Amino acid sequence: MRKILALLSLLLFSGAGWAEPLRITALGDSLVQGYGLPQGQGLVPQLERWLNENGAEVELQNAGVSGDTTAGGAERAEWTLSDNPDGLIVLLGGNDLLRGLAPQEARTNLTRILETAEAKGIETLLVGMKAPRNYGPEYKQAFDAIYPDLAAEFGAVLHPDAFAGMAAEAGGDPAAAQALMQDDGIHPNARGVALNAAAIGPAALQLIEAIGE
């Protein structure tokens, strides 16, 4: 009996077979929050399922706020990370684009977020946004450059385009792209989210690898 109790104690307290999943916080706007989608069909749960199906043991925490800009994300970054997650996914900038805010403002705000994560020793995945062409080439060039520049500066993992999965599926066909959107024409539907989550997945696996180093 003593040997059995000793073995049970060893298993319970050594952590063998009881490793907790990594906790990764997703900081973002309505794309992260899951606006307009049934429970379980937003980006966070779909990406979590994709990661677990591909061999990762991870829990994604949803820190998405509908309507949030990079400024809002920067303001709440400190307390969002107060529970010291293992990793951070940042997906912000879409509402900056909708409002036509200056690219330098977005760059400054995202820098603050990455500085906060860096100070806490938290590895980060930065998910980019692409500016529409109707803002002009100078605006588009300045905005699109923010994400690769900051990823390089802070050593973050980069996924260049939050909508890459949908873009690849649609292949430039506006009707095909519209079929992946909700009725508002702004937010992806569940199928669109699934495509985007699968596209982000490999970068998220890189984040998990970086956490383990």
N, C-alpha and C. Protein backbone atom coordinates (compact mmCIF):
# COMPACT_ATOMS: atom_id res chain seq x y z
N MET A 1 0.83 -1.21 0.00
CA MET A 1 0.00 0.00 0.00
C MET A 1 0.86 1.26 0.00
N ARG A 2 1.94 1.23 0.80
CA ARG A 2 2.81 2.41 0.85
C ARG A 2 3.45 2.68 -0.50
N LYS A 3 3.81 1.59 -1.21
CA LYS A 3 4.42 1.76 -2.52
C LYS A 3 3.42 2.37 -3.51
N ILE A 4 2.17 1.93 -3.42
CA ILE A 4 1.14 2.48 -4.31
C ILE A 4 0.92 3.96 -4.03
N LEU A 5 0.83 4.32 -2.74
CA LEU A 5 0.65 5.72 -2.37
C LEU A 5 1.84 6.56 -2.82
N ALA A 6 3.02 6.01 -2.68
CA ALA A 6 4.22 6.74 -3.09
C ALA A 6 4.22 6.98 -4.60
N LEU A 7 3.78 5.98 -5.37
CA LEU A 7 3.72 6.12 -6.82
C LEU A 7 2.68 7.16 -7.23
N LEU A 8 1.52 7.12 -6.59
CA LEU A 8 0.48 8.12 -6.88
C LEU A 8 0.98 9.52 -6.57
N SER A 9 1.66 9.66 -5.46
CA SER A 9 2.21 10.96 -5.08
C SER A 9 3.21 11.45 -6.10
N LEU A 10 4.06 10.55 -6.59
CA LEU A 10 5.06 10.92 -7.59
C LEU A 10 4.40 11.41 -8.87
N LEU A 11 3.35 10.68 -9.30
CA LEU A 11 2.66 11.07 -10.52
C LEU A 11 1.96 12.41 -10.39
N LEU A 12 1.37 12.64 -9.22
CA LEU A 12 0.62 13.88 -9.00
C LEU A 12 1.53 15.09 -8.93
N PHE A 13 2.67 14.94 -8.31
CA PHE A 13 3.49 16.11 -8.03
C PHE A 13 4.69 16.26 -8.96
N SER A 14 4.97 15.24 -9.74
CA SER A 14 6.09 15.37 -10.68
C SER A 14 5.66 16.04 -11.97
N GLY A 15 4.32 16.05 -12.21
CA GLY A 15 3.80 16.66 -13.45
C GLY A 15 3.80 15.69 -14.61
N ALA A 16 4.21 14.44 -14.40
CA ALA A 16 4.24 13.47 -15.50
C ALA A 16 2.82 13.26 -16.02
N GLY A 17 2.63 13.55 -17.31
CA GLY A 17 1.33 13.35 -17.93
C GLY A 17 0.29 14.39 -17.54
N TRP A 18 0.69 15.41 -16.78
CA TRP A 18 -0.27 16.39 -16.29
C TRP A 18 0.10 17.81 -16.73
N ALA A 19 0.89 17.91 -17.79
CA ALA A 19 1.32 19.22 -18.25
C ALA A 19 0.11 20.05 -18.67
N GLU A 20 0.07 21.29 -18.21
CA GLU A 20 -1.04 22.16 -18.55
C GLU A 20 -0.84 22.72 -19.95
N PRO A 21 -1.93 22.97 -20.69
CA PRO A 21 -1.79 23.56 -22.02
C PRO A 21 -1.26 24.98 -21.92
N LEU A 22 -0.60 25.42 -22.98
CA LEU A 22 -0.13 26.79 -23.04
C LEU A 22 -1.33 27.73 -23.08
N ARG A 23 -1.19 28.88 -22.44
CA ARG A 23 -2.23 29.91 -22.46
C ARG A 23 -1.76 31.04 -23.36
N ILE A 24 -2.51 31.29 -24.40
CA ILE A 24 -2.18 32.36 -25.33
C ILE A 24 -3.36 33.32 -25.41
N THR A 25 -3.09 34.59 -25.20
CA THR A 25 -4.13 35.62 -25.26
C THR A 25 -4.18 36.24 -26.64
N ALA A 26 -5.37 36.37 -27.20
CA ALA A 26 -5.57 37.04 -28.48
C ALA A 26 -6.15 38.43 -28.22
N LEU A 27 -5.36 39.44 -28.49
CA LEU A 27 -5.74 40.84 -28.28
C LEU A 27 -6.18 41.42 -29.62
N GLY A 28 -7.41 41.91 -29.70
CA GLY A 28 -7.85 42.41 -30.98
C GLY A 28 -9.20 43.09 -30.95
N ASP A 29 -9.79 43.19 -32.13
CA ASP A 29 -11.05 43.89 -32.32
C ASP A 29 -12.17 42.88 -32.56
N SER A 30 -13.16 43.26 -33.36
CA SER A 30 -14.30 42.36 -33.61
C SER A 30 -13.91 41.09 -34.33
N LEU A 31 -12.82 41.13 -35.09
CA LEU A 31 -12.36 39.92 -35.77
C LEU A 31 -11.93 38.86 -34.76
N VAL A 32 -11.38 39.31 -33.64
CA VAL A 32 -11.00 38.40 -32.56
C VAL A 32 -12.21 38.09 -31.68
N GLN A 33 -13.00 39.11 -31.39
CA GLN A 33 -14.15 38.95 -30.50
C GLN A 33 -15.18 37.96 -31.05
N GLY A 34 -15.30 37.88 -32.38
CA GLY A 34 -16.24 36.95 -32.99
C GLY A 34 -17.57 37.58 -33.34
N TYR A 35 -17.53 38.84 -33.72
CA TYR A 35 -18.75 39.61 -34.01
C TYR A 35 -19.65 38.89 -35.01
N GLY A 36 -20.94 38.77 -34.66
CA GLY A 36 -21.95 38.25 -35.57
C GLY A 36 -21.93 36.75 -35.79
N LEU A 37 -21.11 36.04 -35.04
CA LEU A 37 -20.97 34.60 -35.26
C LEU A 37 -21.52 33.80 -34.10
N PRO A 38 -22.01 32.59 -34.35
CA PRO A 38 -22.45 31.72 -33.25
C PRO A 38 -21.28 31.38 -32.34
N GLN A 39 -21.59 31.06 -31.11
CA GLN A 39 -20.55 30.66 -30.17
C GLN A 39 -19.77 29.47 -30.72
N GLY A 40 -18.47 29.56 -30.64
CA GLY A 40 -17.62 28.49 -31.14
C GLY A 40 -17.19 28.64 -32.58
N GLN A 41 -17.70 29.69 -33.28
CA GLN A 41 -17.36 29.87 -34.68
C GLN A 41 -16.48 31.09 -34.94
N GLY A 42 -16.13 31.82 -33.88
CA GLY A 42 -15.24 32.96 -34.04
C GLY A 42 -13.81 32.53 -34.28
N LEU A 43 -12.94 33.50 -34.49
CA LEU A 43 -11.54 33.21 -34.80
C LEU A 43 -10.84 32.48 -33.65
N VAL A 44 -11.08 32.92 -32.42
CA VAL A 44 -10.37 32.32 -31.28
C VAL A 44 -10.70 30.84 -31.13
N PRO A 45 -11.98 30.43 -31.05
CA PRO A 45 -12.25 29.00 -30.93
C PRO A 45 -11.85 28.19 -32.15
N GLN A 46 -12.00 28.77 -33.34
CA GLN A 46 -11.62 28.02 -34.54
C GLN A 46 -10.11 27.84 -34.63
N LEU A 47 -9.35 28.86 -34.27
CA LEU A 47 -7.90 28.74 -34.28
C LEU A 47 -7.43 27.78 -33.20
N GLU A 48 -8.06 27.84 -32.03
CA GLU A 48 -7.71 26.90 -30.96
C GLU A 48 -7.93 25.46 -31.42
N ARG A 49 -9.06 25.20 -32.07
CA ARG A 49 -9.32 23.85 -32.57
C ARG A 49 -8.28 23.43 -33.60
N TRP A 50 -7.95 24.35 -34.50
CA TRP A 50 -6.95 24.04 -35.53
C TRP A 50 -5.62 23.67 -34.89
N LEU A 51 -5.20 24.44 -33.90
CA LEU A 51 -3.93 24.17 -33.24
C LEU A 51 -3.94 22.83 -32.52
N ASN A 52 -5.01 22.56 -31.80
CA ASN A 52 -5.08 21.29 -31.08
C ASN A 52 -5.15 20.10 -32.03
N GLU A 53 -5.82 20.29 -33.16
CA GLU A 53 -5.88 19.22 -34.17
C GLU A 53 -4.53 19.00 -34.83
N ASN A 54 -3.65 20.00 -34.75
CA ASN A 54 -2.33 19.90 -35.35
C ASN A 54 -1.22 19.70 -34.32
N GLY A 55 -1.59 19.12 -33.20
CA GLY A 55 -0.60 18.65 -32.24
C GLY A 55 -0.24 19.58 -31.12
N ALA A 56 -0.81 20.77 -31.08
CA ALA A 56 -0.51 21.71 -29.99
C ALA A 56 -1.50 21.51 -28.84
N GLU A 57 -1.03 21.76 -27.64
CA GLU A 57 -1.91 21.78 -26.47
C GLU A 57 -1.98 23.22 -26.00
N VAL A 58 -3.07 23.88 -26.34
CA VAL A 58 -3.14 25.33 -26.12
C VAL A 58 -4.56 25.75 -25.79
N GLU A 59 -4.67 26.76 -24.95
CA GLU A 59 -5.93 27.43 -24.67
C GLU A 59 -5.80 28.88 -25.10
N LEU A 60 -6.66 29.31 -26.01
CA LEU A 60 -6.65 30.70 -26.45
C LEU A 60 -7.65 31.50 -25.64
N GLN A 61 -7.21 32.62 -25.13
CA GLN A 61 -8.07 33.50 -24.34
C GLN A 61 -8.50 34.67 -25.22
N ASN A 62 -9.80 34.93 -25.26
CA ASN A 62 -10.35 35.95 -26.14
C ASN A 62 -10.32 37.31 -25.46
N ALA A 63 -9.44 38.18 -25.96
CA ALA A 63 -9.38 39.56 -25.48
C ALA A 63 -9.72 40.50 -26.64
N GLY A 64 -10.76 40.13 -27.39
CA GLY A 64 -11.22 40.96 -28.49
C GLY A 64 -12.34 41.88 -28.05
N VAL A 65 -12.27 43.13 -28.49
CA VAL A 65 -13.30 44.13 -28.20
C VAL A 65 -13.78 44.72 -29.52
N SER A 66 -15.04 44.54 -29.82
CA SER A 66 -15.59 45.03 -31.08
C SER A 66 -15.42 46.54 -31.18
N GLY A 67 -14.94 47.00 -32.32
CA GLY A 67 -14.74 48.42 -32.55
C GLY A 67 -13.40 48.96 -32.10
N ASP A 68 -12.58 48.11 -31.49
CA ASP A 68 -11.32 48.58 -30.94
C ASP A 68 -10.34 48.98 -32.04
N THR A 69 -9.61 50.04 -31.79
CA THR A 69 -8.52 50.47 -32.66
C THR A 69 -7.20 50.06 -32.02
N THR A 70 -6.11 50.34 -32.70
CA THR A 70 -4.80 50.07 -32.10
C THR A 70 -4.62 50.89 -30.83
N ALA A 71 -5.21 52.08 -30.78
CA ALA A 71 -5.10 52.90 -29.57
C ALA A 71 -5.79 52.23 -28.40
N GLY A 72 -6.98 51.67 -28.63
CA GLY A 72 -7.68 50.97 -27.57
C GLY A 72 -6.91 49.75 -27.10
N GLY A 73 -6.33 49.02 -28.04
CA GLY A 73 -5.53 47.87 -27.68
C GLY A 73 -4.32 48.25 -26.85
N ALA A 74 -3.69 49.36 -27.21
CA ALA A 74 -2.53 49.82 -26.45
C ALA A 74 -2.91 50.21 -25.03
N GLU A 75 -4.10 50.82 -24.88
CA GLU A 75 -4.54 51.25 -23.56
C GLU A 75 -4.80 50.08 -22.63
N ARG A 76 -5.26 48.96 -23.17
CA ARG A 76 -5.60 47.83 -22.30
C ARG A 76 -4.58 46.70 -22.34
N ALA A 77 -3.47 46.91 -23.00
CA ALA A 77 -2.46 45.85 -23.12
C ALA A 77 -1.91 45.43 -21.76
N GLU A 78 -1.63 46.40 -20.91
CA GLU A 78 -1.01 46.10 -19.61
C GLU A 78 -1.90 45.18 -18.78
N TRP A 79 -3.17 45.54 -18.61
CA TRP A 79 -4.03 44.69 -17.77
C TRP A 79 -4.47 43.43 -18.49
N THR A 80 -4.50 43.45 -19.82
CA THR A 80 -4.80 42.22 -20.56
C THR A 80 -3.74 41.15 -20.30
N LEU A 81 -2.51 41.60 -20.12
CA LEU A 81 -1.40 40.68 -19.90
C LEU A 81 -1.05 40.51 -18.42
N SER A 82 -1.91 41.02 -17.55
CA SER A 82 -1.61 40.98 -16.11
C SER A 82 -1.59 39.56 -15.55
N ASP A 83 -2.24 38.61 -16.25
CA ASP A 83 -2.20 37.22 -15.77
C ASP A 83 -1.05 36.43 -16.39
N ASN A 84 -0.14 37.17 -17.07
CA ASN A 84 1.08 36.58 -17.63
C ASN A 84 0.83 35.32 -18.47
N PRO A 85 0.13 35.48 -19.59
CA PRO A 85 -0.05 34.33 -20.48
C PRO A 85 1.29 33.90 -21.07
N ASP A 86 1.32 32.70 -21.63
CA ASP A 86 2.55 32.21 -22.24
C ASP A 86 2.86 32.92 -23.55
N GLY A 87 1.83 33.35 -24.25
CA GLY A 87 2.02 34.00 -25.54
C GLY A 87 0.91 35.00 -25.82
N LEU A 88 1.14 35.82 -26.84
CA LEU A 88 0.19 36.87 -27.22
C LEU A 88 0.02 36.88 -28.73
N ILE A 89 -1.22 36.96 -29.18
CA ILE A 89 -1.53 37.21 -30.58
C ILE A 89 -2.15 38.60 -30.67
N VAL A 90 -1.61 39.44 -31.52
CA VAL A 90 -2.12 40.80 -31.71
C VAL A 90 -2.73 40.91 -33.10
N LEU A 91 -4.02 41.22 -33.15
CA LEU A 91 -4.71 41.42 -34.43
C LEU A 91 -5.52 42.71 -34.31
N LEU A 92 -4.91 43.79 -34.71
CA LEU A 92 -5.52 45.12 -34.63
C LEU A 92 -5.11 45.93 -35.86
N GLY A 93 -5.93 46.92 -36.17
CA GLY A 93 -5.63 47.82 -37.28
C GLY A 93 -6.78 47.98 -38.25
N GLY A 94 -7.72 47.03 -38.23
CA GLY A 94 -8.85 47.13 -39.16
C GLY A 94 -9.70 48.36 -38.94
N ASN A 95 -9.95 48.70 -37.69
CA ASN A 95 -10.77 49.88 -37.40
C ASN A 95 -10.00 51.17 -37.61
N ASP A 96 -8.70 51.13 -37.48
CA ASP A 96 -7.88 52.29 -37.87
C ASP A 96 -8.07 52.56 -39.36
N LEU A 97 -8.09 51.49 -40.15
CA LEU A 97 -8.29 51.64 -41.59
C LEU A 97 -9.68 52.15 -41.92
N LEU A 98 -10.70 51.61 -41.25
CA LEU A 98 -12.06 52.06 -41.51
C LEU A 98 -12.23 53.54 -41.21
N ARG A 99 -11.48 54.05 -40.24
CA ARG A 99 -11.57 55.46 -39.86
C ARG A 99 -10.55 56.33 -40.59
N GLY A 100 -9.70 55.71 -41.39
CA GLY A 100 -8.69 56.47 -42.12
C GLY A 100 -7.66 57.13 -41.22
N LEU A 101 -7.37 56.51 -40.08
CA LEU A 101 -6.39 57.08 -39.15
C LEU A 101 -4.98 57.01 -39.74
N ALA A 102 -4.14 57.92 -39.31
CA ALA A 102 -2.78 58.01 -39.84
C ALA A 102 -2.00 56.74 -39.54
N PRO A 103 -1.27 56.21 -40.52
CA PRO A 103 -0.46 55.02 -40.27
C PRO A 103 0.51 55.18 -39.10
N GLN A 104 1.06 56.37 -38.91
CA GLN A 104 2.01 56.57 -37.82
C GLN A 104 1.34 56.36 -36.46
N GLU A 105 0.07 56.70 -36.35
CA GLU A 105 -0.64 56.46 -35.09
C GLU A 105 -0.73 54.97 -34.81
N ALA A 106 -1.08 54.19 -35.83
CA ALA A 106 -1.16 52.74 -35.65
C ALA A 106 0.20 52.16 -35.30
N ARG A 107 1.24 52.65 -35.96
CA ARG A 107 2.59 52.16 -35.67
C ARG A 107 2.97 52.44 -34.22
N THR A 108 2.68 53.65 -33.75
CA THR A 108 3.00 54.02 -32.37
C THR A 108 2.24 53.15 -31.38
N ASN A 109 0.96 52.93 -31.64
CA ASN A 109 0.14 52.13 -30.72
C ASN A 109 0.56 50.67 -30.68
N LEU A 110 0.83 50.10 -31.84
CA LEU A 110 1.28 48.71 -31.89
C LEU A 110 2.65 48.56 -31.24
N THR A 111 3.48 49.58 -31.38
CA THR A 111 4.78 49.57 -30.70
C THR A 111 4.58 49.49 -29.19
N ARG A 112 3.64 50.25 -28.67
CA ARG A 112 3.36 50.21 -27.22
C ARG A 112 2.94 48.81 -26.78
N ILE A 113 2.10 48.17 -27.57
CA ILE A 113 1.64 46.82 -27.22
C ILE A 113 2.82 45.85 -27.20
N LEU A 114 3.65 45.91 -28.22
CA LEU A 114 4.78 44.99 -28.31
C LEU A 114 5.81 45.29 -27.22
N GLU A 115 5.98 46.54 -26.87
CA GLU A 115 6.87 46.89 -25.76
C GLU A 115 6.36 46.32 -24.44
N THR A 116 5.04 46.36 -24.25
CA THR A 116 4.45 45.81 -23.03
C THR A 116 4.70 44.31 -22.95
N ALA A 117 4.47 43.62 -24.06
CA ALA A 117 4.71 42.17 -24.08
C ALA A 117 6.18 41.85 -23.87
N GLU A 118 7.04 42.61 -24.51
CA GLU A 118 8.48 42.38 -24.39
C GLU A 118 8.94 42.56 -22.95
N ALA A 119 8.43 43.59 -22.28
CA ALA A 119 8.82 43.85 -20.90
C ALA A 119 8.41 42.71 -19.97
N LYS A 120 7.35 42.00 -20.35
CA LYS A 120 6.88 40.87 -19.53
C LYS A 120 7.47 39.54 -19.99
N GLY A 121 8.30 39.58 -21.02
CA GLY A 121 8.90 38.36 -21.53
C GLY A 121 7.92 37.45 -22.25
N ILE A 122 6.90 38.03 -22.88
CA ILE A 122 5.85 37.26 -23.55
C ILE A 122 6.09 37.25 -25.06
N GLU A 123 6.22 36.05 -25.62
CA GLU A 123 6.39 35.92 -27.07
C GLU A 123 5.10 36.33 -27.78
N THR A 124 5.27 36.93 -28.97
CA THR A 124 4.12 37.53 -29.65
C THR A 124 4.03 37.12 -31.12
N LEU A 125 2.81 36.94 -31.57
CA LEU A 125 2.48 36.79 -32.99
C LEU A 125 1.73 38.03 -33.41
N LEU A 126 2.26 38.73 -34.41
CA LEU A 126 1.64 39.95 -34.92
C LEU A 126 0.94 39.62 -36.24
N VAL A 127 -0.37 39.84 -36.27
CA VAL A 127 -1.17 39.56 -37.47
C VAL A 127 -1.43 40.88 -38.18
N GLY A 128 -1.04 40.96 -39.43
CA GLY A 128 -1.11 42.21 -40.16
C GLY A 128 -2.46 42.47 -40.81
N MET A 129 -2.63 43.72 -41.20
CA MET A 129 -3.77 44.15 -42.00
C MET A 129 -3.24 44.86 -43.24
N LYS A 130 -3.97 44.77 -44.33
CA LYS A 130 -3.59 45.42 -45.57
C LYS A 130 -4.53 46.59 -45.85
N ALA A 131 -3.95 47.75 -46.11
CA ALA A 131 -4.77 48.93 -46.42
C ALA A 131 -5.38 48.81 -47.81
N PRO A 132 -6.60 49.31 -47.99
CA PRO A 132 -7.21 49.29 -49.32
C PRO A 132 -6.50 50.27 -50.25
N ARG A 133 -6.57 50.00 -51.53
CA ARG A 133 -5.88 50.85 -52.51
C ARG A 133 -6.53 52.22 -52.66
N ASN A 134 -7.81 52.34 -52.28
CA ASN A 134 -8.48 53.63 -52.50
C ASN A 134 -8.00 54.72 -51.56
N TYR A 135 -7.13 54.38 -50.59
CA TYR A 135 -6.53 55.41 -49.74
C TYR A 135 -5.30 56.03 -50.39
N GLY A 136 -4.91 55.50 -51.53
CA GLY A 136 -3.75 56.03 -52.23
C GLY A 136 -2.51 55.21 -51.94
N PRO A 137 -1.53 55.24 -52.88
CA PRO A 137 -0.34 54.39 -52.74
C PRO A 137 0.54 54.74 -51.55
N GLU A 138 0.64 56.03 -51.21
CA GLU A 138 1.51 56.41 -50.10
C GLU A 138 0.95 55.90 -48.77
N TYR A 139 -0.35 56.06 -48.58
CA TYR A 139 -0.98 55.58 -47.35
C TYR A 139 -0.84 54.06 -47.26
N LYS A 140 -1.14 53.38 -48.36
CA LYS A 140 -1.08 51.91 -48.35
C LYS A 140 0.33 51.42 -48.05
N GLN A 141 1.31 52.03 -48.68
CA GLN A 141 2.70 51.62 -48.45
C GLN A 141 3.09 51.83 -46.99
N ALA A 142 2.71 52.98 -46.43
CA ALA A 142 3.07 53.29 -45.04
C ALA A 142 2.37 52.35 -44.07
N PHE A 143 1.09 52.07 -44.32
CA PHE A 143 0.35 51.21 -43.39
C PHE A 143 0.80 49.76 -43.49
N ASP A 144 0.93 49.26 -44.71
CA ASP A 144 1.29 47.85 -44.88
C ASP A 144 2.66 47.54 -44.31
N ALA A 145 3.55 48.55 -44.28
CA ALA A 145 4.91 48.33 -43.79
C ALA A 145 4.99 48.20 -42.27
N ILE A 146 3.94 48.64 -41.57
CA ILE A 146 3.98 48.65 -40.10
C ILE A 146 4.27 47.27 -39.54
N TYR A 147 3.57 46.28 -40.02
CA TYR A 147 3.60 44.95 -39.40
C TYR A 147 4.93 44.22 -39.61
N PRO A 148 5.45 44.15 -40.84
CA PRO A 148 6.77 43.52 -40.98
C PRO A 148 7.88 44.29 -40.28
N ASP A 149 7.78 45.62 -40.28
CA ASP A 149 8.79 46.43 -39.59
C ASP A 149 8.82 46.12 -38.10
N LEU A 150 7.65 46.11 -37.46
CA LEU A 150 7.59 45.90 -36.01
C LEU A 150 7.91 44.46 -35.64
N ALA A 151 7.49 43.52 -36.47
CA ALA A 151 7.84 42.12 -36.20
C ALA A 151 9.34 41.94 -36.20
N ALA A 152 10.02 42.57 -37.16
CA ALA A 152 11.47 42.48 -37.21
C ALA A 152 12.12 43.18 -36.02
N GLU A 153 11.58 44.33 -35.65
CA GLU A 153 12.16 45.10 -34.54
C GLU A 153 12.05 44.37 -33.21
N PHE A 154 10.92 43.71 -32.98
CA PHE A 154 10.68 43.08 -31.68
C PHE A 154 10.88 41.56 -31.69
N GLY A 155 11.27 41.01 -32.83
CA GLY A 155 11.46 39.57 -32.90
C GLY A 155 10.16 38.79 -32.76
N ALA A 156 9.06 39.40 -33.20
CA ALA A 156 7.76 38.74 -33.14
C ALA A 156 7.56 37.85 -34.37
N VAL A 157 6.73 36.84 -34.21
CA VAL A 157 6.30 36.05 -35.36
C VAL A 157 5.32 36.90 -36.17
N LEU A 158 5.40 36.84 -37.48
CA LEU A 158 4.54 37.65 -38.34
C LEU A 158 3.64 36.78 -39.21
N HIS A 159 2.35 37.11 -39.21
CA HIS A 159 1.42 36.62 -40.23
C HIS A 159 0.95 37.86 -40.97
N PRO A 160 1.33 38.05 -42.22
CA PRO A 160 1.19 39.36 -42.87
C PRO A 160 -0.22 39.88 -43.07
N ASP A 161 -1.20 38.98 -43.20
CA ASP A 161 -2.54 39.44 -43.59
C ASP A 161 -3.62 38.62 -42.88
N ALA A 162 -4.42 39.28 -42.06
CA ALA A 162 -5.48 38.59 -41.31
C ALA A 162 -6.49 37.92 -42.23
N PHE A 163 -6.63 38.41 -43.46
CA PHE A 163 -7.61 37.88 -44.41
C PHE A 163 -6.97 36.98 -45.47
N ALA A 164 -5.77 36.51 -45.22
CA ALA A 164 -5.04 35.73 -46.24
C ALA A 164 -5.79 34.47 -46.65
N GLY A 165 -6.41 33.80 -45.70
CA GLY A 165 -7.13 32.57 -46.03
C GLY A 165 -8.28 32.81 -46.98
N MET A 166 -9.04 33.86 -46.71
CA MET A 166 -10.16 34.21 -47.59
C MET A 166 -9.67 34.66 -48.95
N ALA A 167 -8.59 35.44 -48.97
CA ALA A 167 -8.06 35.94 -50.24
C ALA A 167 -7.61 34.79 -51.13
N ALA A 168 -6.96 33.80 -50.53
CA ALA A 168 -6.50 32.66 -51.31
C ALA A 168 -7.67 31.86 -51.86
N GLU A 169 -8.71 31.71 -51.06
CA GLU A 169 -9.90 30.96 -51.50
C GLU A 169 -10.64 31.69 -52.60
N ALA A 170 -10.78 33.01 -52.46
CA ALA A 170 -11.55 33.79 -53.44
C ALA A 170 -10.79 33.97 -54.74
N GLY A 171 -9.46 34.01 -54.67
CA GLY A 171 -8.66 34.12 -55.88
C GLY A 171 -8.93 35.37 -56.69
N GLY A 172 -9.28 36.46 -56.02
CA GLY A 172 -9.53 37.71 -56.72
C GLY A 172 -10.93 37.86 -57.27
N ASP A 173 -11.79 36.88 -57.04
CA ASP A 173 -13.17 36.93 -57.52
C ASP A 173 -14.04 37.63 -56.47
N PRO A 174 -14.56 38.83 -56.78
CA PRO A 174 -15.36 39.57 -55.78
C PRO A 174 -16.57 38.79 -55.28
N ALA A 175 -17.23 38.04 -56.15
CA ALA A 175 -18.41 37.28 -55.74
C ALA A 175 -18.01 36.17 -54.77
N ALA A 176 -16.89 35.53 -55.04
CA ALA A 176 -16.41 34.47 -54.14
C ALA A 176 -16.01 35.05 -52.80
N ALA A 177 -15.41 36.24 -52.82
CA ALA A 177 -15.04 36.89 -51.57
C ALA A 177 -16.27 37.27 -50.77
N GLN A 178 -17.29 37.79 -51.45
CA GLN A 178 -18.52 38.21 -50.77
C GLN A 178 -19.22 37.02 -50.12
N ALA A 179 -19.11 35.85 -50.71
CA ALA A 179 -19.74 34.65 -50.16
C ALA A 179 -19.12 34.22 -48.84
N LEU A 180 -17.95 34.77 -48.53
CA LEU A 180 -17.26 34.44 -47.28
C LEU A 180 -17.45 35.52 -46.22
N MET A 181 -18.30 36.51 -46.53
CA MET A 181 -18.53 37.62 -45.61
C MET A 181 -19.94 37.55 -45.02
N GLN A 182 -20.11 38.19 -43.87
CA GLN A 182 -21.44 38.41 -43.32
C GLN A 182 -22.15 39.48 -44.15
N ASP A 183 -23.41 39.69 -43.86
CA ASP A 183 -24.21 40.62 -44.65
C ASP A 183 -23.69 42.05 -44.60
N ASP A 184 -22.93 42.39 -43.53
CA ASP A 184 -22.42 43.76 -43.44
C ASP A 184 -21.26 44.02 -44.40
N GLY A 185 -20.73 42.98 -45.01
CA GLY A 185 -19.63 43.15 -45.96
C GLY A 185 -18.31 43.51 -45.31
N ILE A 186 -18.24 43.45 -43.99
CA ILE A 186 -17.02 43.81 -43.27
C ILE A 186 -16.43 42.62 -42.54
N HIS A 187 -17.30 41.84 -41.91
CA HIS A 187 -16.84 40.74 -41.06
C HIS A 187 -17.00 39.39 -41.77
N PRO A 188 -16.01 38.52 -41.64
CA PRO A 188 -16.12 37.19 -42.25
C PRO A 188 -17.23 36.36 -41.60
N ASN A 189 -17.84 35.50 -42.40
CA ASN A 189 -18.77 34.52 -41.82
C ASN A 189 -17.96 33.34 -41.29
N ALA A 190 -18.65 32.32 -40.79
CA ALA A 190 -17.95 31.20 -40.15
C ALA A 190 -16.99 30.51 -41.11
N ARG A 191 -17.40 30.37 -42.37
CA ARG A 191 -16.52 29.75 -43.36
C ARG A 191 -15.29 30.61 -43.62
N GLY A 192 -15.49 31.91 -43.74
CA GLY A 192 -14.36 32.81 -43.94
C GLY A 192 -13.40 32.78 -42.77
N VAL A 193 -13.95 32.75 -41.56
CA VAL A 193 -13.11 32.67 -40.36
C VAL A 193 -12.30 31.38 -40.36
N ALA A 194 -12.94 30.28 -40.75
CA ALA A 194 -12.23 29.00 -40.78
C ALA A 194 -11.03 29.06 -41.72
N LEU A 195 -11.20 29.69 -42.86
CA LEU A 195 -10.10 29.84 -43.82
C LEU A 195 -8.99 30.71 -43.24
N ASN A 196 -9.38 31.82 -42.61
CA ASN A 196 -8.38 32.70 -42.02
C ASN A 196 -7.64 32.04 -40.87
N ALA A 197 -8.38 31.27 -40.06
CA ALA A 197 -7.76 30.58 -38.93
C ALA A 197 -6.74 29.56 -39.42
N ALA A 198 -7.09 28.84 -40.48
CA ALA A 198 -6.16 27.85 -41.03
C ALA A 198 -4.91 28.51 -41.60
N ALA A 199 -5.08 29.72 -42.15
CA ALA A 199 -3.93 30.44 -42.69
C ALA A 199 -3.03 30.97 -41.58
N ILE A 200 -3.63 31.41 -40.47
CA ILE A 200 -2.86 31.91 -39.33
C ILE A 200 -2.19 30.76 -38.58
N GLY A 201 -2.79 29.57 -38.66
CA GLY A 201 -2.33 28.43 -37.88
C GLY A 201 -0.83 28.16 -37.90
N PRO A 202 -0.19 28.07 -39.07
CA PRO A 202 1.25 27.80 -39.07
C PRO A 202 2.07 28.86 -38.34
N ALA A 203 1.67 30.12 -38.44
CA ALA A 203 2.37 31.17 -37.69
C ALA A 203 2.15 31.00 -36.20
N ALA A 204 0.94 30.58 -35.81
CA ALA A 204 0.67 30.33 -34.39
C ALA A 204 1.51 29.17 -33.87
N LEU A 205 1.75 28.17 -34.72
CA LEU A 205 2.63 27.07 -34.32
C LEU A 205 4.07 27.58 -34.14
N GLN A 206 4.48 28.53 -34.97
CA GLN A 206 5.80 29.15 -34.79
C GLN A 206 5.86 29.88 -33.45
N LEU A 207 4.77 30.55 -33.09
CA LEU A 207 4.71 31.22 -31.80
C LEU A 207 4.89 30.21 -30.67
N ILE A 208 4.19 29.09 -30.76
CA ILE A 208 4.29 28.06 -29.73
C ILE A 208 5.71 27.53 -29.64
N GLU A 209 6.35 27.37 -30.80
CA GLU A 209 7.74 26.91 -30.82
C GLU A 209 8.65 27.93 -30.13
N ALA A 210 8.40 29.23 -30.40
CA ALA A 210 9.20 30.28 -29.77
C ALA A 210 9.01 30.29 -28.26
N ILE A 211 7.79 30.02 -27.80
CA ILE A 211 7.52 29.98 -26.37
C ILE A 211 8.33 28.87 -25.70
N GLY A 212 8.49 27.77 -26.42
CA GLY A 212 9.19 26.62 -25.85
C GLY A 212 10.70 26.73 -25.86
N GLU A 213 11.23 27.73 -26.56
CA GLU A 213 12.70 27.85 -26.66
C GLU A 213 13.30 28.44 -25.39
